[in-house]
Amino acid sequence: MEEIDARGMGCPHPVILTKKALEKIKEGKISVIVDNTTSCENVSRYAKSQGCQVKVEKKGDDYYVEITKE
């Protein structure tokens, strides 16, 4: 599973990194780490708009967005 560390990045950078990672795979999982709710919501919304399943887990101050593309 590819892990994208987008902590400290403002939007739209986490979404752009997520888009590029999803374009590289036909199916599989990607984990995106962000440190604010806005980026978490935007990454989640983008992944869902692409037909992916999304699971969010908060660990400390960070959000781990697990995206499954099938």
N, C-alpha and C. Protein backbone atom coordinates (compact mmCIF):
# COMPACT_ATOMS: atom_id res chain seq x y z
N MET A 1 0.85 -1.17 0.00
CA MET A 1 0.00 0.00 0.00
C MET A 1 0.89 1.24 0.00
N GLU A 2 0.60 2.15 -0.91
CA GLU A 2 1.36 3.40 -0.98
C GLU A 2 0.90 4.33 0.13
N GLU A 3 1.84 5.01 0.76
CA GLU A 3 1.51 5.96 1.82
C GLU A 3 1.96 7.34 1.38
N ILE A 4 1.03 8.28 1.44
CA ILE A 4 1.30 9.66 1.08
C ILE A 4 1.26 10.50 2.34
N ASP A 5 2.37 11.12 2.69
CA ASP A 5 2.42 11.98 3.86
C ASP A 5 2.21 13.42 3.41
N ALA A 6 0.99 13.92 3.62
CA ALA A 6 0.65 15.27 3.18
C ALA A 6 0.48 16.22 4.37
N ARG A 7 1.09 15.85 5.50
CA ARG A 7 1.02 16.72 6.68
C ARG A 7 1.75 18.02 6.40
N GLY A 8 1.15 19.11 6.85
CA GLY A 8 1.75 20.42 6.67
C GLY A 8 1.45 21.06 5.32
N MET A 9 0.72 20.35 4.49
CA MET A 9 0.39 20.88 3.16
C MET A 9 -1.04 21.42 3.17
N GLY A 10 -1.20 22.58 2.56
CA GLY A 10 -2.53 23.16 2.42
C GLY A 10 -3.19 22.65 1.15
N CYS A 11 -4.50 22.76 1.12
CA CYS A 11 -5.21 22.33 -0.08
C CYS A 11 -4.85 23.29 -1.22
N PRO A 12 -4.78 22.80 -2.42
CA PRO A 12 -5.23 21.49 -2.90
C PRO A 12 -4.15 20.42 -2.97
N HIS A 13 -2.98 20.64 -2.39
CA HIS A 13 -1.86 19.70 -2.55
C HIS A 13 -2.18 18.26 -2.14
N PRO A 14 -2.82 18.01 -0.98
CA PRO A 14 -3.13 16.61 -0.64
C PRO A 14 -4.05 15.93 -1.67
N VAL A 15 -4.99 16.69 -2.21
CA VAL A 15 -5.90 16.13 -3.21
C VAL A 15 -5.14 15.83 -4.51
N ILE A 16 -4.25 16.71 -4.90
CA ILE A 16 -3.46 16.50 -6.12
C ILE A 16 -2.58 15.25 -5.98
N LEU A 17 -1.94 15.10 -4.82
CA LEU A 17 -1.11 13.91 -4.59
C LEU A 17 -1.96 12.64 -4.60
N THR A 18 -3.15 12.71 -4.03
CA THR A 18 -4.07 11.57 -4.02
C THR A 18 -4.49 11.22 -5.44
N LYS A 19 -4.82 12.24 -6.24
CA LYS A 19 -5.23 12.03 -7.63
C LYS A 19 -4.13 11.33 -8.42
N LYS A 20 -2.90 11.80 -8.28
CA LYS A 20 -1.77 11.20 -9.00
C LYS A 20 -1.55 9.74 -8.58
N ALA A 21 -1.67 9.48 -7.28
CA ALA A 21 -1.48 8.11 -6.79
C ALA A 21 -2.57 7.18 -7.30
N LEU A 22 -3.81 7.66 -7.32
CA LEU A 22 -4.92 6.83 -7.80
C LEU A 22 -4.81 6.56 -9.30
N GLU A 23 -4.28 7.52 -10.05
CA GLU A 23 -4.12 7.34 -11.49
C GLU A 23 -3.08 6.26 -11.82
N LYS A 24 -2.14 6.01 -10.89
CA LYS A 24 -1.07 5.04 -11.14
C LYS A 24 -1.49 3.59 -10.90
N ILE A 25 -2.63 3.38 -10.22
CA ILE A 25 -3.02 2.01 -9.89
C ILE A 25 -4.38 1.67 -10.50
N LYS A 26 -4.55 0.38 -10.86
CA LYS A 26 -5.85 -0.09 -11.32
C LYS A 26 -6.72 -0.43 -10.13
N GLU A 27 -6.09 -1.07 -9.14
CA GLU A 27 -6.80 -1.38 -7.90
C GLU A 27 -5.78 -1.51 -6.78
N GLY A 28 -6.26 -1.35 -5.57
CA GLY A 28 -5.37 -1.43 -4.43
C GLY A 28 -5.72 -0.38 -3.40
N LYS A 29 -4.79 -0.19 -2.46
CA LYS A 29 -5.03 0.75 -1.36
C LYS A 29 -3.96 1.82 -1.31
N ILE A 30 -4.40 3.00 -0.90
CA ILE A 30 -3.52 4.13 -0.70
C ILE A 30 -3.86 4.72 0.67
N SER A 31 -2.85 5.09 1.41
CA SER A 31 -3.07 5.75 2.70
C SER A 31 -2.54 7.17 2.59
N VAL A 32 -3.41 8.13 2.92
CA VAL A 32 -3.02 9.54 2.87
C VAL A 32 -3.07 10.08 4.30
N ILE A 33 -1.96 10.65 4.75
CA ILE A 33 -1.89 11.22 6.09
C ILE A 33 -1.96 12.74 5.98
N VAL A 34 -2.95 13.33 6.65
CA VAL A 34 -3.09 14.79 6.68
C VAL A 34 -3.23 15.24 8.13
N ASP A 35 -3.03 16.53 8.36
CA ASP A 35 -3.06 17.02 9.73
C ASP A 35 -4.14 18.07 10.00
N ASN A 36 -5.15 18.12 9.12
CA ASN A 36 -6.26 19.04 9.38
C ASN A 36 -7.55 18.50 8.78
N THR A 37 -8.66 18.91 9.37
CA THR A 37 -9.96 18.36 8.96
C THR A 37 -10.33 18.74 7.53
N THR A 38 -9.95 19.93 7.09
CA THR A 38 -10.30 20.36 5.73
C THR A 38 -9.66 19.45 4.69
N SER A 39 -8.37 19.18 4.85
CA SER A 39 -7.69 18.28 3.91
C SER A 39 -8.28 16.88 3.99
N CYS A 40 -8.60 16.42 5.18
CA CYS A 40 -9.20 15.10 5.36
C CYS A 40 -10.52 15.01 4.59
N GLU A 41 -11.36 16.02 4.75
CA GLU A 41 -12.66 16.03 4.07
C GLU A 41 -12.49 16.12 2.56
N ASN A 42 -11.56 16.95 2.09
CA ASN A 42 -11.36 17.12 0.65
C ASN A 42 -10.80 15.86 -0.01
N VAL A 43 -9.83 15.22 0.65
CA VAL A 43 -9.26 13.97 0.11
C VAL A 43 -10.34 12.89 0.09
N SER A 44 -11.10 12.79 1.16
CA SER A 44 -12.17 11.78 1.24
C SER A 44 -13.22 12.01 0.16
N ARG A 45 -13.63 13.27 0.00
CA ARG A 45 -14.65 13.60 -1.00
C ARG A 45 -14.15 13.28 -2.41
N TYR A 46 -12.89 13.62 -2.69
CA TYR A 46 -12.34 13.33 -4.02
C TYR A 46 -12.31 11.83 -4.28
N ALA A 47 -11.82 11.05 -3.31
CA ALA A 47 -11.72 9.60 -3.49
C ALA A 47 -13.10 8.98 -3.72
N LYS A 48 -14.09 9.42 -2.95
CA LYS A 48 -15.45 8.90 -3.13
C LYS A 48 -16.00 9.26 -4.50
N SER A 49 -15.66 10.46 -5.00
CA SER A 49 -16.14 10.88 -6.32
C SER A 49 -15.54 10.02 -7.43
N GLN A 50 -14.42 9.35 -7.12
CA GLN A 50 -13.78 8.46 -8.09
C GLN A 50 -14.22 7.01 -7.92
N GLY A 51 -15.23 6.79 -7.07
CA GLY A 51 -15.78 5.45 -6.87
C GLY A 51 -14.99 4.60 -5.89
N CYS A 52 -14.15 5.22 -5.09
CA CYS A 52 -13.33 4.47 -4.12
C CYS A 52 -14.03 4.40 -2.76
N GLN A 53 -13.63 3.40 -2.00
CA GLN A 53 -14.10 3.30 -0.62
C GLN A 53 -13.11 4.04 0.26
N VAL A 54 -13.63 4.71 1.29
CA VAL A 54 -12.79 5.54 2.14
C VAL A 54 -13.03 5.21 3.61
N LYS A 55 -11.93 5.07 4.34
CA LYS A 55 -12.00 4.86 5.78
C LYS A 55 -11.04 5.85 6.43
N VAL A 56 -11.54 6.61 7.42
CA VAL A 56 -10.72 7.63 8.09
C VAL A 56 -10.48 7.22 9.53
N GLU A 57 -9.23 7.32 9.96
CA GLU A 57 -8.88 7.03 11.34
C GLU A 57 -8.05 8.20 11.87
N LYS A 58 -8.46 8.71 13.03
CA LYS A 58 -7.71 9.82 13.65
C LYS A 58 -6.73 9.24 14.65
N LYS A 59 -5.46 9.60 14.49
CA LYS A 59 -4.40 9.16 15.41
C LYS A 59 -3.68 10.41 15.89
N GLY A 60 -3.90 10.77 17.15
CA GLY A 60 -3.30 12.00 17.66
C GLY A 60 -3.88 13.20 16.93
N ASP A 61 -3.00 14.01 16.35
CA ASP A 61 -3.44 15.19 15.61
C ASP A 61 -3.59 14.91 14.11
N ASP A 62 -3.30 13.69 13.69
CA ASP A 62 -3.31 13.36 12.27
C ASP A 62 -4.51 12.51 11.88
N TYR A 63 -4.87 12.62 10.61
CA TYR A 63 -5.95 11.82 10.03
C TYR A 63 -5.33 10.88 9.00
N TYR A 64 -5.65 9.60 9.12
CA TYR A 64 -5.17 8.60 8.17
C TYR A 64 -6.36 8.23 7.29
N VAL A 65 -6.29 8.60 6.02
CA VAL A 65 -7.36 8.33 5.09
C VAL A 65 -6.95 7.13 4.25
N GLU A 66 -7.63 6.00 4.47
CA GLU A 66 -7.35 4.79 3.70
C GLU A 66 -8.32 4.70 2.54
N ILE A 67 -7.77 4.68 1.35
CA ILE A 67 -8.58 4.68 0.12
C ILE A 67 -8.40 3.33 -0.56
N THR A 68 -9.52 2.70 -0.87
CA THR A 68 -9.49 1.41 -1.57
C THR A 68 -10.10 1.60 -2.96
N LYS A 69 -9.29 1.29 -3.98
CA LYS A 69 -9.76 1.39 -5.37
C LYS A 69 -9.92 -0.04 -5.88
N GLU A 70 -11.12 -0.34 -6.37
CA GLU A 70 -11.38 -1.69 -6.88
C GLU A 70 -11.70 -1.70 -8.35
